[in-house]
Amino acid sequence: MTKYELVTALAKKTGIPLRRAYIVVDTFFERLTRALMNGEKVQIRNFGNLEVRHYDGYTGRNPKTGQKVKVSPKRLPLFKAGLGLRNMLNKGQKTL
């Protein structure tokens, strides 16, 4: 699903204009991103949890050359599917 498909589905289901649906979707993703950047955990009941996990730097190896390479510390997003989403996917339900 693309952002455009999400926006058009929202507009169709709610009857709001496409422009307003774009604002809603953009606001949702902006707020979600800001929360993650601030170190907050985002919990959407029956859908899943999003959080940022910090990984320390380490010395690794280049698989082609075997040469040691310094890998910088990083923060990566982590998504864990909620029970409702997992059940829906496994049972073939159409909605949460």
N, C-alpha and C. Protein backbone atom coordinates (compact mmCIF):
# COMPACT_ATOMS: atom_id res chain seq x y z
N MET A 1 0.85 -1.17 0.00
CA MET A 1 0.00 0.00 0.00
C MET A 1 0.89 1.24 0.00
N THR A 2 0.55 2.19 -0.83
CA THR A 2 1.29 3.44 -0.89
C THR A 2 0.59 4.50 -0.05
N LYS A 3 1.26 5.61 0.17
CA LYS A 3 0.66 6.71 0.92
C LYS A 3 -0.60 7.19 0.19
N TYR A 4 -0.53 7.30 -1.13
CA TYR A 4 -1.68 7.75 -1.91
C TYR A 4 -2.87 6.81 -1.72
N GLU A 5 -2.62 5.51 -1.73
CA GLU A 5 -3.70 4.54 -1.53
C GLU A 5 -4.30 4.67 -0.13
N LEU A 6 -3.46 4.91 0.86
CA LEU A 6 -3.95 5.11 2.22
C LEU A 6 -4.82 6.36 2.30
N VAL A 7 -4.36 7.44 1.71
CA VAL A 7 -5.10 8.71 1.73
C VAL A 7 -6.44 8.56 1.02
N THR A 8 -6.45 7.95 -0.15
CA THR A 8 -7.71 7.80 -0.88
C THR A 8 -8.68 6.88 -0.14
N ALA A 9 -8.18 5.84 0.50
CA ALA A 9 -9.05 4.95 1.29
C ALA A 9 -9.65 5.71 2.47
N LEU A 10 -8.85 6.53 3.13
CA LEU A 10 -9.33 7.34 4.26
C LEU A 10 -10.40 8.32 3.79
N ALA A 11 -10.14 9.00 2.68
CA ALA A 11 -11.10 9.97 2.14
C ALA A 11 -12.41 9.29 1.76
N LYS A 12 -12.32 8.13 1.14
CA LYS A 12 -13.52 7.40 0.71
C LYS A 12 -14.33 6.91 1.91
N LYS A 13 -13.63 6.34 2.90
CA LYS A 13 -14.33 5.77 4.06
C LYS A 13 -14.99 6.84 4.93
N THR A 14 -14.32 7.99 5.08
CA THR A 14 -14.83 9.04 5.98
C THR A 14 -15.63 10.11 5.26
N GLY A 15 -15.49 10.20 3.94
CA GLY A 15 -16.20 11.23 3.19
C GLY A 15 -15.54 12.60 3.25
N ILE A 16 -14.31 12.66 3.76
CA ILE A 16 -13.62 13.94 3.81
C ILE A 16 -12.89 14.18 2.49
N PRO A 17 -12.63 15.45 2.16
CA PRO A 17 -11.92 15.73 0.91
C PRO A 17 -10.51 15.14 0.92
N LEU A 18 -10.00 14.85 -0.26
CA LEU A 18 -8.68 14.25 -0.42
C LEU A 18 -7.60 15.11 0.24
N ARG A 19 -7.70 16.42 0.08
CA ARG A 19 -6.70 17.32 0.67
C ARG A 19 -6.67 17.19 2.19
N ARG A 20 -7.84 17.10 2.80
CA ARG A 20 -7.91 16.96 4.26
C ARG A 20 -7.39 15.59 4.69
N ALA A 21 -7.65 14.56 3.90
CA ALA A 21 -7.14 13.22 4.22
C ALA A 21 -5.61 13.22 4.19
N TYR A 22 -5.02 13.95 3.24
CA TYR A 22 -3.56 14.08 3.20
C TYR A 22 -3.04 14.72 4.48
N ILE A 23 -3.74 15.75 4.96
CA ILE A 23 -3.32 16.43 6.19
C ILE A 23 -3.37 15.46 7.37
N VAL A 24 -4.43 14.67 7.45
CA VAL A 24 -4.57 13.70 8.54
C VAL A 24 -3.43 12.67 8.51
N VAL A 25 -3.17 12.11 7.35
CA VAL A 25 -2.13 11.09 7.22
C VAL A 25 -0.75 11.69 7.50
N ASP A 26 -0.48 12.87 6.94
CA ASP A 26 0.81 13.53 7.18
C ASP A 26 1.00 13.83 8.66
N THR A 27 -0.06 14.32 9.31
CA THR A 27 0.02 14.64 10.74
C THR A 27 0.29 13.39 11.56
N PHE A 28 -0.38 12.30 11.22
CA PHE A 28 -0.17 11.04 11.93
C PHE A 28 1.29 10.60 11.85
N PHE A 29 1.84 10.59 10.65
CA PHE A 29 3.23 10.14 10.48
C PHE A 29 4.24 11.12 11.06
N GLU A 30 3.94 12.42 10.99
CA GLU A 30 4.83 13.40 11.61
C GLU A 30 4.88 13.20 13.12
N ARG A 31 3.73 13.00 13.74
CA ARG A 31 3.68 12.81 15.20
C ARG A 31 4.35 11.50 15.61
N LEU A 32 4.11 10.45 14.84
CA LEU A 32 4.73 9.16 15.12
C LEU A 32 6.25 9.27 15.03
N THR A 33 6.74 9.93 13.99
CA THR A 33 8.18 10.11 13.80
C THR A 33 8.77 10.94 14.92
N ARG A 34 8.10 12.02 15.30
CA ARG A 34 8.59 12.88 16.37
C ARG A 34 8.67 12.11 17.69
N ALA A 35 7.66 11.30 17.97
CA ALA A 35 7.67 10.50 19.20
C ALA A 35 8.86 9.55 19.22
N LEU A 36 9.12 8.88 18.11
CA LEU A 36 10.25 7.96 18.04
C LEU A 36 11.57 8.70 18.19
N MET A 37 11.68 9.87 17.57
CA MET A 37 12.91 10.66 17.66
C MET A 37 13.16 11.13 19.09
N ASN A 38 12.08 11.31 19.86
CA ASN A 38 12.21 11.72 21.26
C ASN A 38 12.38 10.54 22.21
N GLY A 39 12.53 9.35 21.66
CA GLY A 39 12.75 8.17 22.49
C GLY A 39 11.49 7.56 23.07
N GLU A 40 10.33 8.00 22.60
CA GLU A 40 9.07 7.45 23.09
C GLU A 40 8.74 6.14 22.38
N LYS A 41 8.03 5.27 23.08
CA LYS A 41 7.53 4.04 22.49
C LYS A 41 6.12 4.32 22.00
N VAL A 42 5.79 3.93 20.79
CA VAL A 42 4.47 4.16 20.22
C VAL A 42 3.70 2.84 20.26
N GLN A 43 2.56 2.86 20.95
CA GLN A 43 1.75 1.65 21.08
C GLN A 43 0.39 1.89 20.43
N ILE A 44 0.06 1.07 19.45
CA ILE A 44 -1.24 1.14 18.79
C ILE A 44 -1.93 -0.19 19.06
N ARG A 45 -2.90 -0.15 19.95
CA ARG A 45 -3.55 -1.36 20.44
C ARG A 45 -4.05 -2.23 19.28
N ASN A 46 -3.81 -3.52 19.39
CA ASN A 46 -4.18 -4.55 18.41
C ASN A 46 -3.40 -4.47 17.11
N PHE A 47 -2.59 -3.44 16.93
CA PHE A 47 -1.79 -3.33 15.71
C PHE A 47 -0.33 -3.64 15.98
N GLY A 48 0.28 -2.89 16.92
CA GLY A 48 1.67 -3.17 17.24
C GLY A 48 2.35 -2.04 17.97
N ASN A 49 3.62 -2.25 18.29
CA ASN A 49 4.44 -1.27 18.99
C ASN A 49 5.63 -0.89 18.13
N LEU A 50 5.97 0.38 18.19
CA LEU A 50 7.16 0.90 17.51
C LEU A 50 8.05 1.53 18.55
N GLU A 51 9.34 1.27 18.44
CA GLU A 51 10.30 1.91 19.33
C GLU A 51 11.64 2.00 18.61
N VAL A 52 12.53 2.81 19.17
CA VAL A 52 13.86 2.94 18.61
C VAL A 52 14.82 2.17 19.49
N ARG A 53 15.61 1.33 18.86
CA ARG A 53 16.60 0.54 19.59
C ARG A 53 17.98 1.09 19.27
N HIS A 54 18.80 1.27 20.30
CA HIS A 54 20.15 1.79 20.13
C HIS A 54 21.14 0.63 20.07
N TYR A 55 22.03 0.69 19.09
CA TYR A 55 23.07 -0.32 18.94
C TYR A 55 24.43 0.35 19.06
N ASP A 56 25.27 -0.18 19.92
CA ASP A 56 26.61 0.37 20.11
C ASP A 56 27.47 0.08 18.88
N GLY A 57 28.49 0.90 18.72
CA GLY A 57 29.46 0.67 17.66
C GLY A 57 30.31 -0.56 17.97
N TYR A 58 30.89 -1.14 16.96
CA TYR A 58 31.74 -2.31 17.15
C TYR A 58 32.71 -2.43 15.97
N THR A 59 33.66 -3.32 16.12
CA THR A 59 34.59 -3.59 15.03
C THR A 59 34.13 -4.86 14.32
N GLY A 60 33.83 -4.72 13.04
CA GLY A 60 33.37 -5.86 12.24
C GLY A 60 34.40 -6.18 11.18
N ARG A 61 34.01 -7.04 10.27
CA ARG A 61 34.90 -7.42 9.17
C ARG A 61 34.17 -7.28 7.84
N ASN A 62 34.89 -6.80 6.85
CA ASN A 62 34.38 -6.74 5.49
C ASN A 62 34.34 -8.18 4.97
N PRO A 63 33.16 -8.69 4.59
CA PRO A 63 33.07 -10.09 4.17
C PRO A 63 33.86 -10.41 2.90
N LYS A 64 34.08 -9.41 2.05
CA LYS A 64 34.84 -9.66 0.81
C LYS A 64 36.34 -9.72 1.05
N THR A 65 36.84 -8.78 1.88
CA THR A 65 38.29 -8.68 2.05
C THR A 65 38.78 -9.24 3.37
N GLY A 66 37.88 -9.37 4.34
CA GLY A 66 38.29 -9.83 5.66
C GLY A 66 38.92 -8.72 6.50
N GLN A 67 39.01 -7.52 5.93
CA GLN A 67 39.62 -6.38 6.62
C GLN A 67 38.70 -5.89 7.74
N LYS A 68 39.31 -5.48 8.87
CA LYS A 68 38.55 -4.95 9.99
C LYS A 68 37.94 -3.60 9.60
N VAL A 69 36.69 -3.41 10.02
CA VAL A 69 35.96 -2.18 9.71
C VAL A 69 35.26 -1.71 10.98
N LYS A 70 35.35 -0.41 11.25
CA LYS A 70 34.66 0.15 12.41
C LYS A 70 33.22 0.46 12.01
N VAL A 71 32.27 -0.10 12.77
CA VAL A 71 30.85 0.14 12.53
C VAL A 71 30.37 1.13 13.58
N SER A 72 29.82 2.25 13.14
CA SER A 72 29.38 3.32 14.03
C SER A 72 28.14 2.90 14.83
N PRO A 73 27.95 3.52 16.00
CA PRO A 73 26.71 3.28 16.74
C PRO A 73 25.53 3.78 15.92
N LYS A 74 24.37 3.19 16.14
CA LYS A 74 23.20 3.61 15.38
C LYS A 74 21.92 3.38 16.15
N ARG A 75 20.89 4.07 15.73
CA ARG A 75 19.55 3.90 16.27
C ARG A 75 18.67 3.42 15.13
N LEU A 76 17.95 2.33 15.37
CA LEU A 76 17.10 1.76 14.32
C LEU A 76 15.68 1.56 14.85
N PRO A 77 14.67 1.78 13.99
CA PRO A 77 13.29 1.55 14.42
C PRO A 77 13.01 0.05 14.50
N LEU A 78 12.18 -0.30 15.47
CA LEU A 78 11.81 -1.70 15.67
C LEU A 78 10.29 -1.76 15.76
N PHE A 79 9.67 -2.66 15.00
CA PHE A 79 8.22 -2.85 15.04
C PHE A 79 7.93 -4.25 15.54
N LYS A 80 7.02 -4.33 16.50
CA LYS A 80 6.57 -5.64 16.99
C LYS A 80 5.06 -5.69 16.80
N ALA A 81 4.60 -6.64 16.01
CA ALA A 81 3.18 -6.77 15.73
C ALA A 81 2.41 -7.12 17.00
N GLY A 82 1.24 -6.51 17.15
CA GLY A 82 0.38 -6.78 18.28
C GLY A 82 -0.40 -8.08 18.09
N LEU A 83 -0.98 -8.55 19.17
CA LEU A 83 -1.72 -9.81 19.14
C LEU A 83 -2.88 -9.77 18.15
N GLY A 84 -3.61 -8.66 18.12
CA GLY A 84 -4.74 -8.54 17.19
C GLY A 84 -4.31 -8.67 15.74
N LEU A 85 -3.22 -8.01 15.38
CA LEU A 85 -2.71 -8.08 14.00
C LEU A 85 -2.22 -9.49 13.68
N ARG A 86 -1.49 -10.09 14.61
CA ARG A 86 -0.99 -11.46 14.37
C ARG A 86 -2.14 -12.44 14.19
N ASN A 87 -3.16 -12.33 15.05
CA ASN A 87 -4.31 -13.23 14.93
C ASN A 87 -5.04 -13.02 13.61
N MET A 88 -5.20 -11.75 13.22
CA MET A 88 -5.89 -11.44 11.98
C MET A 88 -5.14 -12.03 10.78
N LEU A 89 -3.81 -11.89 10.78
CA LEU A 89 -3.02 -12.43 9.68
C LEU A 89 -3.08 -13.95 9.62
N ASN A 90 -3.07 -14.59 10.77
CA ASN A 90 -3.07 -16.05 10.81
C ASN A 90 -4.44 -16.66 10.57
N LYS A 91 -5.50 -15.94 10.92
CA LYS A 91 -6.85 -16.47 10.76
C LYS A 91 -7.54 -15.94 9.51
N GLY A 92 -6.89 -15.00 8.81
CA GLY A 92 -7.46 -14.47 7.58
C GLY A 92 -8.63 -13.53 7.79
N GLN A 93 -8.72 -12.90 8.98
CA GLN A 93 -9.80 -11.94 9.22
C GLN A 93 -9.58 -10.70 8.37
N LYS A 94 -10.65 -9.96 8.11
CA LYS A 94 -10.57 -8.76 7.28
C LYS A 94 -10.33 -7.50 8.09
N THR A 95 -10.74 -7.46 9.36
CA THR A 95 -10.56 -6.25 10.18
C THR A 95 -10.13 -6.63 11.59
N LEU A 96 -9.53 -5.63 12.27
CA LEU A 96 -9.15 -5.82 13.67
C LEU A 96 -10.41 -5.77 14.47
